[in-house]
Amino acid sequence: MIASCYHRRMAQLLIRQIDDATIRRLETLARERKTSVEAVARAAIHRAAQLTVAEKLEIVREMQEWSRGARIPGAPQTPGVDLIREGRDE
């Protein structure tokens, strides 16, 4: 089995001009959740950046279209799930 290593780049973001009421609300939420303001803000950003169902479906359609274009006419095609199982079971 081939081991792979996945590294994510962790970027930083500076957000300016947040009003005092918003900061106080973040501080309150952080105290209630027993965490940091940064963690509360990070979670809110993650939620806001999630793909919609329509966006996910569009990505799947694009991948399927690419896959169809990568096929070799006349050659037998093995479903990817079978290849994954074969590699896992070795």
PDB file of N, CA and C in Angstrom:
ATOM      1  N   MET A   1       0.842  -1.175   0.000  1.00  0.00           N
ATOM      2  CA  MET A   1       0.000   0.000   0.000  1.00  0.00           C
ATOM      3  C   MET A   1       0.887   1.238   0.000  1.00  0.00           C
ATOM      4  N   ILE A   2       0.525   2.218  -0.775  1.00  0.00           N
ATOM      5  CA  ILE A   2       1.299   3.452  -0.878  1.00  0.00           C
ATOM      6  C   ILE A   2       0.821   4.429   0.185  1.00  0.00           C
ATOM      7  N   ALA A   3       1.750   4.921   0.977  1.00  0.00           N
ATOM      8  CA  ALA A   3       1.403   5.924   1.993  1.00  0.00           C
ATOM      9  C   ALA A   3       1.540   7.302   1.377  1.00  0.00           C
ATOM     10  N   SER A   4       0.605   8.154   1.674  1.00  0.00           N
ATOM     11  CA  SER A   4       0.696   9.514   1.161  1.00  0.00           C
ATOM     12  C   SER A   4       0.699  10.486   2.331  1.00  0.00           C
ATOM     13  N   CYS A   5       1.250  11.629   2.080  1.00  0.00           N
ATOM     14  CA  CYS A   5       1.341  12.649   3.112  1.00  0.00           C
ATOM     15  C   CYS A   5       0.580  13.874   2.628  1.00  0.00           C
ATOM     16  N   TYR A   6      -0.298  14.382   3.442  1.00  0.00           N
ATOM     17  CA  TYR A   6      -1.129  15.516   3.047  1.00  0.00           C
ATOM     18  C   TYR A   6      -0.843  16.665   4.000  1.00  0.00           C
ATOM     19  N   HIS A   7      -0.364  17.750   3.443  1.00  0.00           N
ATOM     20  CA  HIS A   7      -0.063  18.927   4.255  1.00  0.00           C
ATOM     21  C   HIS A   7      -0.973  20.062   3.841  1.00  0.00           C
ATOM     22  N   ARG A   8      -1.600  20.672   4.815  1.00  0.00           N
ATOM     23  CA  ARG A   8      -2.434  21.828   4.529  1.00  0.00           C
ATOM     24  C   ARG A   8      -1.694  23.069   4.955  1.00  0.00           C
ATOM     25  N   ARG A   9      -1.755  24.059   4.106  1.00  0.00           N
ATOM     26  CA  ARG A   9      -1.158  25.347   4.431  1.00  0.00           C
ATOM     27  C   ARG A   9      -2.132  26.067   5.340  1.00  0.00           C
ATOM     28  N   MET A  10      -1.650  26.535   6.459  1.00  0.00           N
ATOM     29  CA  MET A  10      -2.492  27.252   7.405  1.00  0.00           C
ATOM     30  C   MET A  10      -2.194  28.739   7.257  1.00  0.00           C
ATOM     31  N   ALA A  11      -3.104  29.441   6.627  1.00  0.00           N
ATOM     32  CA  ALA A  11      -2.924  30.864   6.372  1.00  0.00           C
ATOM     33  C   ALA A  11      -3.394  31.682   7.566  1.00  0.00           C
ATOM     34  N   GLN A  12      -3.018  32.929   7.560  1.00  0.00           N
ATOM     35  CA  GLN A  12      -3.477  33.869   8.569  1.00  0.00           C
ATOM     36  C   GLN A  12      -4.289  34.946   7.889  1.00  0.00           C
ATOM     37  N   LEU A  13      -5.214  35.516   8.644  1.00  0.00           N
ATOM     38  CA  LEU A  13      -6.093  36.527   8.108  1.00  0.00           C
ATOM     39  C   LEU A  13      -6.271  37.616   9.148  1.00  0.00           C
ATOM     40  N   LEU A  14      -6.062  38.840   8.755  1.00  0.00           N
ATOM     41  CA  LEU A  14      -6.276  39.983   9.636  1.00  0.00           C
ATOM     42  C   LEU A  14      -7.550  40.671   9.183  1.00  0.00           C
ATOM     43  N   ILE A  15      -8.500  40.795  10.089  1.00  0.00           N
ATOM     44  CA  ILE A  15      -9.774  41.431   9.758  1.00  0.00           C
ATOM     45  C   ILE A  15      -9.862  42.738  10.533  1.00  0.00           C
ATOM     46  N   ARG A  16     -10.070  43.801   9.817  1.00  0.00           N
ATOM     47  CA  ARG A  16     -10.135  45.129  10.434  1.00  0.00           C
ATOM     48  C   ARG A  16     -11.558  45.648  10.420  1.00  0.00           C
ATOM     49  N   GLN A  17     -11.770  46.687  11.184  1.00  0.00           N
ATOM     50  CA  GLN A  17     -13.034  47.429  11.218  1.00  0.00           C
ATOM     51  C   GLN A  17     -14.213  46.552  11.642  1.00  0.00           C
ATOM     52  N   ILE A  18     -14.027  45.825  12.737  1.00  0.00           N
ATOM     53  CA  ILE A  18     -15.117  45.071  13.343  1.00  0.00           C
ATOM     54  C   ILE A  18     -15.629  45.918  14.496  1.00  0.00           C
ATOM     55  N   ASP A  19     -16.928  46.156  14.509  1.00  0.00           N
ATOM     56  CA  ASP A  19     -17.470  47.055  15.533  1.00  0.00           C
ATOM     57  C   ASP A  19     -17.397  46.423  16.928  1.00  0.00           C
ATOM     58  N   ASP A  20     -17.411  47.276  17.944  1.00  0.00           N
ATOM     59  CA  ASP A  20     -17.250  46.837  19.331  1.00  0.00           C
ATOM     60  C   ASP A  20     -18.337  45.853  19.766  1.00  0.00           C
ATOM     61  N   ALA A  21     -19.567  46.061  19.303  1.00  0.00           N
ATOM     62  CA  ALA A  21     -20.657  45.160  19.685  1.00  0.00           C
ATOM     63  C   ALA A  21     -20.398  43.741  19.179  1.00  0.00           C
ATOM     64  N   THR A  22     -19.856  43.623  17.997  1.00  0.00           N
ATOM     65  CA  THR A  22     -19.548  42.311  17.433  1.00  0.00           C
ATOM     66  C   THR A  22     -18.442  41.638  18.233  1.00  0.00           C
ATOM     67  N   ILE A  23     -17.430  42.396  18.597  1.00  0.00           N
ATOM     68  CA  ILE A  23     -16.325  41.859  19.406  1.00  0.00           C
ATOM     69  C   ILE A  23     -16.855  41.385  20.753  1.00  0.00           C
ATOM     70  N   ARG A  24     -17.710  42.191  21.380  1.00  0.00           N
ATOM     71  CA  ARG A  24     -18.290  41.796  22.681  1.00  0.00           C
ATOM     72  C   ARG A  24     -19.098  40.505  22.529  1.00  0.00           C
ATOM     73  N   ARG A  25     -19.839  40.379  21.444  1.00  0.00           N
ATOM     74  CA  ARG A  25     -20.623  39.160  21.213  1.00  0.00           C
ATOM     75  C   ARG A  25     -19.708  37.956  21.033  1.00  0.00           C
ATOM     76  N   LEU A  26     -18.624  38.128  20.296  1.00  0.00           N
ATOM     77  CA  LEU A  26     -17.658  37.034  20.129  1.00  0.00           C
ATOM     78  C   LEU A  26     -17.040  36.649  21.475  1.00  0.00           C
ATOM     79  N   GLU A  27     -16.727  37.644  22.288  1.00  0.00           N
ATOM     80  CA  GLU A  27     -16.159  37.376  23.613  1.00  0.00           C
ATOM     81  C   GLU A  27     -17.149  36.613  24.493  1.00  0.00           C
ATOM     82  N   THR A  28     -18.423  36.998  24.432  1.00  0.00           N
ATOM     83  CA  THR A  28     -19.461  36.307  25.205  1.00  0.00           C
ATOM     84  C   THR A  28     -19.592  34.859  24.752  1.00  0.00           C
ATOM     85  N   LEU A  29     -19.648  34.658  23.437  1.00  0.00           N
ATOM     86  CA  LEU A  29     -19.736  33.297  22.896  1.00  0.00           C
ATOM     87  C   LEU A  29     -18.526  32.464  23.309  1.00  0.00           C
ATOM     88  N   ALA A  30     -17.361  33.067  23.263  1.00  0.00           N
ATOM     89  CA  ALA A  30     -16.132  32.356  23.636  1.00  0.00           C
ATOM     90  C   ALA A  30     -16.179  31.934  25.107  1.00  0.00           C
ATOM     91  N   ARG A  31     -16.620  32.838  25.986  1.00  0.00           N
ATOM     92  CA  ARG A  31     -16.733  32.489  27.408  1.00  0.00           C
ATOM     93  C   ARG A  31     -17.735  31.354  27.606  1.00  0.00           C
ATOM     94  N   GLU A  32     -18.892  31.452  26.937  1.00  0.00           N
ATOM     95  CA  GLU A  32     -19.921  30.413  27.067  1.00  0.00           C
ATOM     96  C   GLU A  32     -19.413  29.057  26.588  1.00  0.00           C
ATOM     97  N   ARG A  33     -18.614  29.061  25.559  1.00  0.00           N
ATOM     98  CA  ARG A  33     -18.103  27.815  24.977  1.00  0.00           C
ATOM     99  C   ARG A  33     -16.765  27.385  25.575  1.00  0.00           C
ATOM    100  N   LYS A  34     -16.281  28.208  26.513  1.00  0.00           N
ATOM    101  CA  LYS A  34     -14.984  27.925  27.164  1.00  0.00           C
ATOM    102  C   LYS A  34     -13.874  27.740  26.140  1.00  0.00           C
ATOM    103  N   THR A  35     -13.808  28.702  25.247  1.00  0.00           N
ATOM    104  CA  THR A  35     -12.792  28.688  24.199  1.00  0.00           C
ATOM    105  C   THR A  35     -12.343  30.123  23.943  1.00  0.00           C
ATOM    106  N   SER A  36     -11.555  30.322  22.924  1.00  0.00           N
ATOM    107  CA  SER A  36     -11.036  31.657  22.613  1.00  0.00           C
ATOM    108  C   SER A  36     -11.913  32.379  21.591  1.00  0.00           C
ATOM    109  N   VAL A  37     -11.788  33.694  21.577  1.00  0.00           N
ATOM    110  CA  VAL A  37     -12.473  34.500  20.566  1.00  0.00           C
ATOM    111  C   VAL A  37     -12.003  34.057  19.184  1.00  0.00           C
ATOM    112  N   GLU A  38     -10.729  33.790  19.064  1.00  0.00           N
ATOM    113  CA  GLU A  38     -10.176  33.346  17.781  1.00  0.00           C
ATOM    114  C   GLU A  38     -10.848  32.057  17.309  1.00  0.00           C
ATOM    115  N   ALA A  39     -11.065  31.105  18.219  1.00  0.00           N
ATOM    116  CA  ALA A  39     -11.701  29.841  17.844  1.00  0.00           C
ATOM    117  C   ALA A  39     -13.147  30.059  17.401  1.00  0.00           C
ATOM    118  N   VAL A  40     -13.863  30.948  18.085  1.00  0.00           N
ATOM    119  CA  VAL A  40     -15.249  31.251  17.704  1.00  0.00           C
ATOM    120  C   VAL A  40     -15.273  31.900  16.323  1.00  0.00           C
ATOM    121  N   ALA A  41     -14.378  32.862  16.102  1.00  0.00           N
ATOM    122  CA  ALA A  41     -14.323  33.544  14.804  1.00  0.00           C
ATOM    123  C   ALA A  41     -13.918  32.569  13.699  1.00  0.00           C
ATOM    124  N   ARG A  42     -12.953  31.692  13.994  1.00  0.00           N
ATOM    125  CA  ARG A  42     -12.505  30.707  13.003  1.00  0.00           C
ATOM    126  C   ARG A  42     -13.658  29.788  12.606  1.00  0.00           C
ATOM    127  N   ALA A  43     -14.446  29.332  13.587  1.00  0.00           N
ATOM    128  CA  ALA A  43     -15.580  28.461  13.298  1.00  0.00           C
ATOM    129  C   ALA A  43     -16.614  29.184  12.430  1.00  0.00           C
ATOM    130  N   ALA A  44     -16.842  30.459  12.706  1.00  0.00           N
ATOM    131  CA  ALA A  44     -17.799  31.235  11.903  1.00  0.00           C
ATOM    132  C   ALA A  44     -17.311  31.380  10.466  1.00  0.00           C
ATOM    133  N   ILE A  45     -16.024  31.594  10.293  1.00  0.00           N
ATOM    134  CA  ILE A  45     -15.456  31.715   8.948  1.00  0.00           C
ATOM    135  C   ILE A  45     -15.568  30.382   8.208  1.00  0.00           C
ATOM    136  N   HIS A  46     -15.274  29.289   8.903  1.00  0.00           N
ATOM    137  CA  HIS A  46     -15.401  27.961   8.283  1.00  0.00           C
ATOM    138  C   HIS A  46     -16.836  27.711   7.823  1.00  0.00           C
ATOM    139  N   ARG A  47     -17.803  28.039   8.676  1.00  0.00           N
ATOM    140  CA  ARG A  47     -19.211  27.841   8.302  1.00  0.00           C
ATOM    141  C   ARG A  47     -19.567  28.686   7.085  1.00  0.00           C
ATOM    142  N   ALA A  48     -19.104  29.929   7.066  1.00  0.00           N
ATOM    143  CA  ALA A  48     -19.430  30.835   5.956  1.00  0.00           C
ATOM    144  C   ALA A  48     -18.796  30.385   4.646  1.00  0.00           C
ATOM    145  N   ALA A  49     -17.686  29.666   4.722  1.00  0.00           N
ATOM    146  CA  ALA A  49     -16.950  29.278   3.513  1.00  0.00           C
ATOM    147  C   ALA A  49     -17.346  27.899   2.985  1.00  0.00           C
ATOM    148  N   GLN A  50     -18.291  27.230   3.630  1.00  0.00           N
ATOM    149  CA  GLN A  50     -18.705  25.904   3.177  1.00  0.00           C
ATOM    150  C   GLN A  50     -19.359  25.993   1.796  1.00  0.00           C
ATOM    151  N   LEU A  51     -19.093  24.988   0.979  1.00  0.00           N
ATOM    152  CA  LEU A  51     -19.720  24.924  -0.338  1.00  0.00           C
ATOM    153  C   LEU A  51     -21.203  24.607  -0.190  1.00  0.00           C
ATOM    154  N   THR A  52     -22.000  25.176  -1.063  1.00  0.00           N
ATOM    155  CA  THR A  52     -23.423  24.849  -1.089  1.00  0.00           C
ATOM    156  C   THR A  52     -23.603  23.506  -1.787  1.00  0.00           C
ATOM    157  N   VAL A  53     -24.784  22.926  -1.644  1.00  0.00           N
ATOM    158  CA  VAL A  53     -25.082  21.661  -2.328  1.00  0.00           C
ATOM    159  C   VAL A  53     -24.932  21.839  -3.837  1.00  0.00           C
ATOM    160  N   ALA A  54     -25.428  22.959  -4.348  1.00  0.00           N
ATOM    161  CA  ALA A  54     -25.329  23.216  -5.795  1.00  0.00           C
ATOM    162  C   ALA A  54     -23.868  23.291  -6.242  1.00  0.00           C
ATOM    163  N   GLU A  55     -23.019  23.931  -5.443  1.00  0.00           N
ATOM    164  CA  GLU A  55     -21.588  24.019  -5.790  1.00  0.00           C
ATOM    165  C   GLU A  55     -20.942  22.640  -5.769  1.00  0.00           C
ATOM    166  N   LYS A  56     -21.285  21.822  -4.766  1.00  0.00           N
ATOM    167  CA  LYS A  56     -20.735  20.472  -4.694  1.00  0.00           C
ATOM    168  C   LYS A  56     -21.173  19.638  -5.901  1.00  0.00           C
ATOM    169  N   LEU A  57     -22.450  19.745  -6.267  1.00  0.00           N
ATOM    170  CA  LEU A  57     -22.954  19.000  -7.421  1.00  0.00           C
ATOM    171  C   LEU A  57     -22.263  19.437  -8.710  1.00  0.00           C
ATOM    172  N   GLU A  58     -21.988  20.717  -8.840  1.00  0.00           N
ATOM    173  CA  GLU A  58     -21.281  21.221 -10.024  1.00  0.00           C
ATOM    174  C   GLU A  58     -19.868  20.638 -10.098  1.00  0.00           C
ATOM    175  N   ILE A  59     -19.197  20.548  -8.968  1.00  0.00           N
ATOM    176  CA  ILE A  59     -17.851  19.953  -8.935  1.00  0.00           C
ATOM    177  C   ILE A  59     -17.925  18.489  -9.361  1.00  0.00           C
ATOM    178  N   VAL A  60     -18.915  17.759  -8.852  1.00  0.00           N
ATOM    179  CA  VAL A  60     -19.080  16.350  -9.227  1.00  0.00           C
ATOM    180  C   VAL A  60     -19.338  16.232 -10.727  1.00  0.00           C
ATOM    181  N   ARG A  61     -20.211  17.091 -11.273  1.00  0.00           N
ATOM    182  CA  ARG A  61     -20.489  17.057 -12.719  1.00  0.00           C
ATOM    183  C   ARG A  61     -19.213  17.314 -13.524  1.00  0.00           C
ATOM    184  N   GLU A  62     -18.418  18.280 -13.099  1.00  0.00           N
ATOM    185  CA  GLU A  62     -17.163  18.578 -13.803  1.00  0.00           C
ATOM    186  C   GLU A  62     -16.213  17.392 -13.748  1.00  0.00           C
ATOM    187  N   MET A  63     -16.133  16.731 -12.601  1.00  0.00           N
ATOM    188  CA  MET A  63     -15.246  15.577 -12.464  1.00  0.00           C
ATOM    189  C   MET A  63     -15.729  14.417 -13.341  1.00  0.00           C
ATOM    190  N   GLN A  64     -17.051  14.210 -13.380  1.00  0.00           N
ATOM    191  CA  GLN A  64     -17.590  13.140 -14.216  1.00  0.00           C
ATOM    192  C   GLN A  64     -17.342  13.419 -15.689  1.00  0.00           C
ATOM    193  N   GLU A  65     -17.503  14.668 -16.092  1.00  0.00           N
ATOM    194  CA  GLU A  65     -17.246  15.048 -17.480  1.00  0.00           C
ATOM    195  C   GLU A  65     -15.782  14.811 -17.833  1.00  0.00           C
ATOM    196  N   TRP A  66     -14.888  15.202 -16.950  1.00  0.00           N
ATOM    197  CA  TRP A  66     -13.458  14.980 -17.181  1.00  0.00           C
ATOM    198  C   TRP A  66     -13.174  13.484 -17.296  1.00  0.00           C
ATOM    199  N   SER A  67     -13.779  12.711 -16.411  1.00  0.00           N
ATOM    200  CA  SER A  67     -13.563  11.268 -16.402  1.00  0.00           C
ATOM    201  C   SER A  67     -14.025  10.636 -17.708  1.00  0.00           C
ATOM    202  N   ARG A  68     -15.190  11.052 -18.196  1.00  0.00           N
ATOM    203  CA  ARG A  68     -15.676  10.521 -19.475  1.00  0.00           C
ATOM    204  C   ARG A  68     -14.696  10.852 -20.605  1.00  0.00           C
ATOM    205  N   GLY A  69     -14.122  12.043 -20.569  1.00  0.00           N
ATOM    206  CA  GLY A  69     -13.174  12.449 -21.599  1.00  0.00           C
ATOM    207  C   GLY A  69     -11.845  11.722 -21.518  1.00  0.00           C
ATOM    208  N   ALA A  70     -11.541  11.150 -20.354  1.00  0.00           N
ATOM    209  CA  ALA A  70     -10.264  10.453 -20.161  1.00  0.00           C
ATOM    210  C   ALA A  70     -10.333   8.982 -20.549  1.00  0.00           C
ATOM    211  N   ARG A  71     -11.514   8.500 -20.850  1.00  0.00           N
ATOM    212  CA  ARG A  71     -11.657   7.086 -21.212  1.00  0.00           C
ATOM    213  C   ARG A  71     -11.038   6.810 -22.581  1.00  0.00           C
ATOM    214  N   ILE A  72     -10.535   5.595 -22.715  1.00  0.00           N
ATOM    215  CA  ILE A  72      -9.982   5.150 -23.991  1.00  0.00           C
ATOM    216  C   ILE A  72     -11.070   4.364 -24.705  1.00  0.00           C
ATOM    217  N   PRO A  73     -11.520   4.842 -25.872  1.00  0.00           N
ATOM    218  CA  PRO A  73     -12.608   4.147 -26.584  1.00  0.00           C
ATOM    219  C   PRO A  73     -12.253   2.691 -26.858  1.00  0.00           C
ATOM    220  N   GLY A  74     -13.190   1.814 -26.541  1.00  0.00           N
ATOM    221  CA  GLY A  74     -13.005   0.391 -26.810  1.00  0.00           C
ATOM    222  C   GLY A  74     -12.257  -0.365 -25.735  1.00  0.00           C
ATOM    223  N   ALA A  75     -11.616   0.329 -24.831  1.00  0.00           N
ATOM    224  CA  ALA A  75     -10.871  -0.350 -23.765  1.00  0.00           C
ATOM    225  C   ALA A  75     -11.809  -0.635 -22.596  1.00  0.00           C
ATOM    226  N   PRO A  76     -11.665  -1.800 -21.964  1.00  0.00           N
ATOM    227  CA  PRO A  76     -12.514  -2.108 -20.807  1.00  0.00           C
ATOM    228  C   PRO A  76     -12.194  -1.134 -19.665  1.00  0.00           C
ATOM    229  N   GLN A  77     -13.222  -0.733 -18.963  1.00  0.00           N
ATOM    230  CA  GLN A  77     -13.062   0.233 -17.876  1.00  0.00           C
ATOM    231  C   GLN A  77     -13.334  -0.463 -16.544  1.00  0.00           C
ATOM    232  N   THR A  78     -12.429  -0.304 -15.609  1.00  0.00           N
ATOM    233  CA  THR A  78     -12.610  -0.860 -14.270  1.00  0.00           C
ATOM    234  C   THR A  78     -13.110   0.250 -13.364  1.00  0.00           C
ATOM    235  N   PRO A  79     -14.240   0.039 -12.687  1.00  0.00           N
ATOM    236  CA  PRO A  79     -14.730   1.072 -11.770  1.00  0.00           C
ATOM    237  C   PRO A  79     -13.694   1.389 -10.694  1.00  0.00           C
ATOM    238  N   GLY A  80     -13.564   2.659 -10.378  1.00  0.00           N
ATOM    239  CA  GLY A  80     -12.576   3.102  -9.402  1.00  0.00           C
ATOM    240  C   GLY A  80     -12.720   2.435  -8.048  1.00  0.00           C
ATOM    241  N   VAL A  81     -13.957   2.189  -7.626  1.00  0.00           N
ATOM    242  CA  VAL A  81     -14.175   1.557  -6.327  1.00  0.00           C
ATOM    243  C   VAL A  81     -13.543   0.169  -6.297  1.00  0.00           C
ATOM    244  N   ASP A  82     -13.580  -0.540  -7.435  1.00  0.00           N
ATOM    245  CA  ASP A  82     -12.949  -1.871  -7.497  1.00  0.00           C
ATOM    246  C   ASP A  82     -11.429  -1.754  -7.364  1.00  0.00           C
ATOM    247  N   LEU A  83     -10.846  -0.751  -7.982  1.00  0.00           N
ATOM    248  CA  LEU A  83      -9.407  -0.549  -7.884  1.00  0.00           C
ATOM    249  C   LEU A  83      -8.991  -0.196  -6.452  1.00  0.00           C
ATOM    250  N   ILE A  84      -9.802   0.628  -5.796  1.00  0.00           N
ATOM    251  CA  ILE A  84      -9.506   0.990  -4.394  1.00  0.00           C
ATOM    252  C   ILE A  84      -9.561  -0.243  -3.511  1.00  0.00           C
ATOM    253  N   ARG A  85     -10.607  -1.055  -3.696  1.00  0.00           N
ATOM    254  CA  ARG A  85     -10.734  -2.281  -2.881  1.00  0.00           C
ATOM    255  C   ARG A  85      -9.580  -3.235  -3.136  1.00  0.00           C
ATOM    256  N   GLU A  86      -9.194  -3.361  -4.405  1.00  0.00           N
ATOM    257  CA  GLU A  86      -8.091  -4.255  -4.770  1.00  0.00           C
ATOM    258  C   GLU A  86      -6.804  -3.814  -4.076  1.00  0.00           C
ATOM    259  N   GLY A  87      -6.523  -2.507  -4.109  1.00  0.00           N
ATOM    260  CA  GLY A  87      -5.315  -2.002  -3.458  1.00  0.00           C
ATOM    261  C   GLY A  87      -5.362  -2.124  -1.955  1.00  0.00           C
ATOM    262  N   ARG A  88      -6.540  -1.962  -1.380  1.00  0.00           N
ATOM    263  CA  ARG A  88      -6.692  -2.049   0.068  1.00  0.00           C
ATOM    264  C   ARG A  88      -6.529  -3.482   0.542  1.00  0.00           C
ATOM    265  N   ASP A  89      -7.038  -4.422  -0.222  1.00  0.00           N
ATOM    266  CA  ASP A  89      -7.052  -5.830   0.203  1.00  0.00           C
ATOM    267  C   ASP A  89      -5.712  -6.536   0.010  1.00  0.00           C
ATOM    268  N   GLU A  90      -4.771  -5.903  -0.666  1.00  0.00           N
ATOM    269  CA  GLU A  90      -3.465  -6.560  -0.902  1.00  0.00           C
ATOM    270  C   GLU A  90      -2.634  -6.573   0.345  1.00  0.00           C
TER     271      GLU A  90
END
